[in-house]
Amino acid sequence: MRTVTKKELVNRIAEEAHVTKVVAKDVIQAFLDAIIRELAEGNRLEFREFGVFETRERAPRRAQNPRTLQKVEVPAKRIVKFKVGRMMRAKVSGDDVGPPEPEEDDDDELPSSARARRSTSRSADG
């Protein structure tokens, strides 16, 4: 097992998407910032086949310092939970995965050059 950095992902995605590293980095960072912003607002994010991010309230509790054995109050706080999607679970466990479920068509938001690349890659995958 090894750690993959954001820089490595930026390089791979830039190459696969045929865009510059700067563009790939900006898109990835904007995506991550949007996830954080939505979770901070208490929204739930669902990415089909990948997973679901949501926040939960962790109740206040009483804990014990293991070194001093002193009881301490731990206040309530919001935490982020991630539930793994079907495709990710199967890929990570090494199971054979069928084709992903179709999603809503987001082509309206893509520039025409990206739509053309996307439709070409879809027909080549077919």
C-alpha atoms as a PDB file:
ATOM      1  CA  MET A   1       0.000   0.000   0.000  1.00  0.00           C
ATOM      2  CA  ARG A   2       1.203   3.504  -0.744  1.00  0.00           C
ATOM      3  CA  THR A   3      -0.111   7.023  -0.258  1.00  0.00           C
ATOM      4  CA  VAL A   4      -1.332   8.815  -3.371  1.00  0.00           C
ATOM      5  CA  THR A   5      -1.125  12.594  -3.116  1.00  0.00           C
ATOM      6  CA  LYS A   6      -3.389  15.203  -4.643  1.00  0.00           C
ATOM      7  CA  LYS A   7      -0.485  16.192  -6.915  1.00  0.00           C
ATOM      8  CA  GLU A   8      -0.304  12.647  -8.317  1.00  0.00           C
ATOM      9  CA  LEU A   9      -4.055  12.596  -8.895  1.00  0.00           C
ATOM     10  CA  VAL A  10      -3.856  15.981 -10.617  1.00  0.00           C
ATOM     11  CA  ASN A  11      -1.164  14.626 -12.973  1.00  0.00           C
ATOM     12  CA  ARG A  12      -3.176  11.483 -13.804  1.00  0.00           C
ATOM     13  CA  ILE A  13      -6.468  13.323 -14.315  1.00  0.00           C
ATOM     14  CA  ALA A  14      -4.829  16.036 -16.436  1.00  0.00           C
ATOM     15  CA  GLU A  15      -3.392  13.359 -18.700  1.00  0.00           C
ATOM     16  CA  GLU A  16      -6.633  11.339 -18.933  1.00  0.00           C
ATOM     17  CA  ALA A  17      -8.829  14.404 -19.507  1.00  0.00           C
ATOM     18  CA  HIS A  18      -6.337  16.021 -21.920  1.00  0.00           C
ATOM     19  CA  VAL A  19      -6.223  19.270 -19.935  1.00  0.00           C
ATOM     20  CA  THR A  20      -3.374  21.141 -18.291  1.00  0.00           C
ATOM     21  CA  LYS A  21      -2.313  20.310 -14.750  1.00  0.00           C
ATOM     22  CA  VAL A  22      -3.401  23.801 -13.673  1.00  0.00           C
ATOM     23  CA  VAL A  23      -6.926  23.216 -14.981  1.00  0.00           C
ATOM     24  CA  ALA A  24      -7.111  19.767 -13.409  1.00  0.00           C
ATOM     25  CA  LYS A  25      -5.865  21.113 -10.068  1.00  0.00           C
ATOM     26  CA  ASP A  26      -8.369  23.989 -10.126  1.00  0.00           C
ATOM     27  CA  VAL A  27     -11.261  21.633 -10.911  1.00  0.00           C
ATOM     28  CA  ILE A  28     -10.253  19.115  -8.239  1.00  0.00           C
ATOM     29  CA  GLN A  29      -9.803  21.859  -5.631  1.00  0.00           C
ATOM     30  CA  ALA A  30     -13.146  23.446  -6.548  1.00  0.00           C
ATOM     31  CA  PHE A  31     -14.791  20.016  -6.208  1.00  0.00           C
ATOM     32  CA  LEU A  32     -13.239  19.398  -2.787  1.00  0.00           C
ATOM     33  CA  ASP A  33     -14.142  22.927  -1.623  1.00  0.00           C
ATOM     34  CA  ALA A  34     -17.741  22.381  -2.762  1.00  0.00           C
ATOM     35  CA  ILE A  35     -17.951  19.116  -0.795  1.00  0.00           C
ATOM     36  CA  ILE A  36     -16.662  20.827   2.342  1.00  0.00           C
ATOM     37  CA  ARG A  37     -19.032  23.784   1.872  1.00  0.00           C
ATOM     38  CA  GLU A  38     -22.074  21.536   1.406  1.00  0.00           C
ATOM     39  CA  LEU A  39     -21.207  19.406   4.448  1.00  0.00           C
ATOM     40  CA  ALA A  40     -20.628  22.552   6.544  1.00  0.00           C
ATOM     41  CA  GLU A  41     -24.165  23.658   5.601  1.00  0.00           C
ATOM     42  CA  GLY A  42     -25.493  20.298   6.772  1.00  0.00           C
ATOM     43  CA  ASN A  43     -26.260  18.970   3.306  1.00  0.00           C
ATOM     44  CA  ARG A  44     -25.941  15.352   2.227  1.00  0.00           C
ATOM     45  CA  LEU A  45     -23.891  14.530  -0.892  1.00  0.00           C
ATOM     46  CA  GLU A  46     -24.676  11.412  -2.885  1.00  0.00           C
ATOM     47  CA  PHE A  47     -22.465  10.151  -5.693  1.00  0.00           C
ATOM     48  CA  ARG A  48     -24.070   7.090  -7.243  1.00  0.00           C
ATOM     49  CA  GLU A  49     -21.927   3.940  -7.137  1.00  0.00           C
ATOM     50  CA  PHE A  50     -19.240   5.866  -5.191  1.00  0.00           C
ATOM     51  CA  GLY A  51     -20.835   6.713  -1.857  1.00  0.00           C
ATOM     52  CA  VAL A  52     -22.653   9.191   0.360  1.00  0.00           C
ATOM     53  CA  PHE A  53     -21.188  11.934   2.554  1.00  0.00           C
ATOM     54  CA  GLU A  54     -23.319  13.296   5.373  1.00  0.00           C
ATOM     55  CA  THR A  55     -22.907  14.943   8.739  1.00  0.00           C
ATOM     56  CA  ARG A  56     -24.127  13.509  12.004  1.00  0.00           C
ATOM     57  CA  GLU A  57     -24.360  14.941  15.469  1.00  0.00           C
ATOM     58  CA  ARG A  58     -22.240  13.076  17.991  1.00  0.00           C
ATOM     59  CA  ALA A  59     -23.856  13.250  21.434  1.00  0.00           C
ATOM     60  CA  PRO A  60     -21.969  14.681  24.397  1.00  0.00           C
ATOM     61  CA  ARG A  61     -20.367  12.023  26.531  1.00  0.00           C
ATOM     62  CA  ARG A  62     -18.208  11.423  29.510  1.00  0.00           C
ATOM     63  CA  ALA A  63     -14.739  10.023  28.783  1.00  0.00           C
ATOM     64  CA  GLN A  64     -11.689   9.123  30.806  1.00  0.00           C
ATOM     65  CA  ASN A  65      -8.130  10.283  30.320  1.00  0.00           C
ATOM     66  CA  PRO A  66      -6.193   6.987  30.103  1.00  0.00           C
ATOM     67  CA  ARG A  67      -3.056   8.481  31.656  1.00  0.00           C
ATOM     68  CA  THR A  68      -4.587  10.220  34.677  1.00  0.00           C
ATOM     69  CA  LEU A  69      -7.879   8.291  34.824  1.00  0.00           C
ATOM     70  CA  GLN A  70      -9.578  11.653  35.293  1.00  0.00           C
ATOM     71  CA  LYS A  71     -13.173  11.891  33.997  1.00  0.00           C
ATOM     72  CA  VAL A  72     -13.691  14.584  31.354  1.00  0.00           C
ATOM     73  CA  GLU A  73     -16.773  15.895  29.587  1.00  0.00           C
ATOM     74  CA  VAL A  74     -16.621  15.647  25.806  1.00  0.00           C
ATOM     75  CA  PRO A  75     -19.011  18.121  24.176  1.00  0.00           C
ATOM     76  CA  ALA A  76     -21.383  17.285  21.308  1.00  0.00           C
ATOM     77  CA  LYS A  77     -19.961  17.826  17.839  1.00  0.00           C
ATOM     78  CA  ARG A  78     -20.783  17.326  14.194  1.00  0.00           C
ATOM     79  CA  ILE A  79     -18.823  14.660  12.350  1.00  0.00           C
ATOM     80  CA  VAL A  80     -18.660  13.586   8.717  1.00  0.00           C
ATOM     81  CA  LYS A  81     -19.803  10.065   7.865  1.00  0.00           C
ATOM     82  CA  PHE A  82     -19.110   8.326   4.569  1.00  0.00           C
ATOM     83  CA  LYS A  83     -21.115   5.335   3.388  1.00  0.00           C
ATOM     84  CA  VAL A  84     -19.376   3.384   0.637  1.00  0.00           C
ATOM     85  CA  GLY A  85     -21.272   2.895  -2.618  1.00  0.00           C
ATOM     86  CA  ARG A  86     -21.856  -0.418  -4.390  1.00  0.00           C
ATOM     87  CA  MET A  87     -19.204  -0.055  -7.097  1.00  0.00           C
ATOM     88  CA  MET A  88     -16.501   1.159  -4.717  1.00  0.00           C
ATOM     89  CA  ARG A  89     -17.227  -1.641  -2.256  1.00  0.00           C
ATOM     90  CA  ALA A  90     -17.024  -4.235  -5.023  1.00  0.00           C
ATOM     91  CA  LYS A  91     -13.843  -2.807  -6.608  1.00  0.00           C
ATOM     92  CA  VAL A  92     -12.027  -2.521  -3.273  1.00  0.00           C
ATOM     93  CA  SER A  93     -12.996  -6.058  -2.273  1.00  0.00           C
ATOM     94  CA  GLY A  94     -11.939  -7.394  -5.686  1.00  0.00           C
ATOM     95  CA  ASP A  95     -15.430  -8.478  -6.764  1.00  0.00           C
ATOM     96  CA  ASP A  96     -16.497  -8.379 -10.400  1.00  0.00           C
ATOM     97  CA  VAL A  97     -18.605  -5.277 -10.963  1.00  0.00           C
ATOM     98  CA  GLY A  98     -21.273  -4.919 -13.615  1.00  0.00           C
ATOM     99  CA  PRO A  99     -21.805  -1.689 -15.514  1.00  0.00           C
ATOM    100  CA  PRO A 100     -22.597   1.361 -13.372  1.00  0.00           C
ATOM    101  CA  GLU A 101     -26.181   2.543 -13.066  1.00  0.00           C
ATOM    102  CA  PRO A 102     -26.984   5.329 -15.534  1.00  0.00           C
ATOM    103  CA  GLU A 103     -26.975   8.811 -14.013  1.00  0.00           C
ATOM    104  CA  GLU A 104     -28.831  11.906 -15.021  1.00  0.00           C
ATOM    105  CA  ASP A 105     -27.279  13.423 -18.137  1.00  0.00           C
ATOM    106  CA  ASP A 106     -25.000  16.294 -17.117  1.00  0.00           C
ATOM    107  CA  ASP A 107     -23.884  17.107 -20.679  1.00  0.00           C
ATOM    108  CA  ASP A 108     -25.722  20.457 -20.538  1.00  0.00           C
ATOM    109  CA  GLU A 109     -23.065  21.761 -18.157  1.00  0.00           C
ATOM    110  CA  LEU A 110     -20.061  20.564 -20.191  1.00  0.00           C
ATOM    111  CA  PRO A 111     -18.357  22.725 -22.800  1.00  0.00           C
ATOM    112  CA  SER A 112     -18.937  21.442 -26.331  1.00  0.00           C
ATOM    113  CA  SER A 113     -15.366  20.096 -26.635  1.00  0.00           C
ATOM    114  CA  ALA A 114     -15.781  18.056 -23.436  1.00  0.00           C
ATOM    115  CA  ARG A 115     -19.177  16.752 -24.634  1.00  0.00           C
ATOM    116  CA  ALA A 116     -17.541  15.616 -27.880  1.00  0.00           C
ATOM    117  CA  ARG A 117     -14.715  13.829 -26.023  1.00  0.00           C
ATOM    118  CA  ARG A 118     -17.224  12.266 -23.642  1.00  0.00           C
ATOM    119  CA  SER A 119     -19.469  10.965 -26.416  1.00  0.00           C
ATOM    120  CA  THR A 120     -16.446   9.644 -28.319  1.00  0.00           C
ATOM    121  CA  SER A 121     -15.151   7.816 -25.248  1.00  0.00           C
ATOM    122  CA  ARG A 122     -18.619   6.400 -24.556  1.00  0.00           C
ATOM    123  CA  SER A 123     -18.881   4.973 -28.051  1.00  0.00           C
ATOM    124  CA  ALA A 124     -15.354   3.534 -27.814  1.00  0.00           C
ATOM    125  CA  ASP A 125     -16.188   1.895 -24.451  1.00  0.00           C
ATOM    126  CA  GLY A 126     -19.421   0.434 -25.786  1.00  0.00           C
END
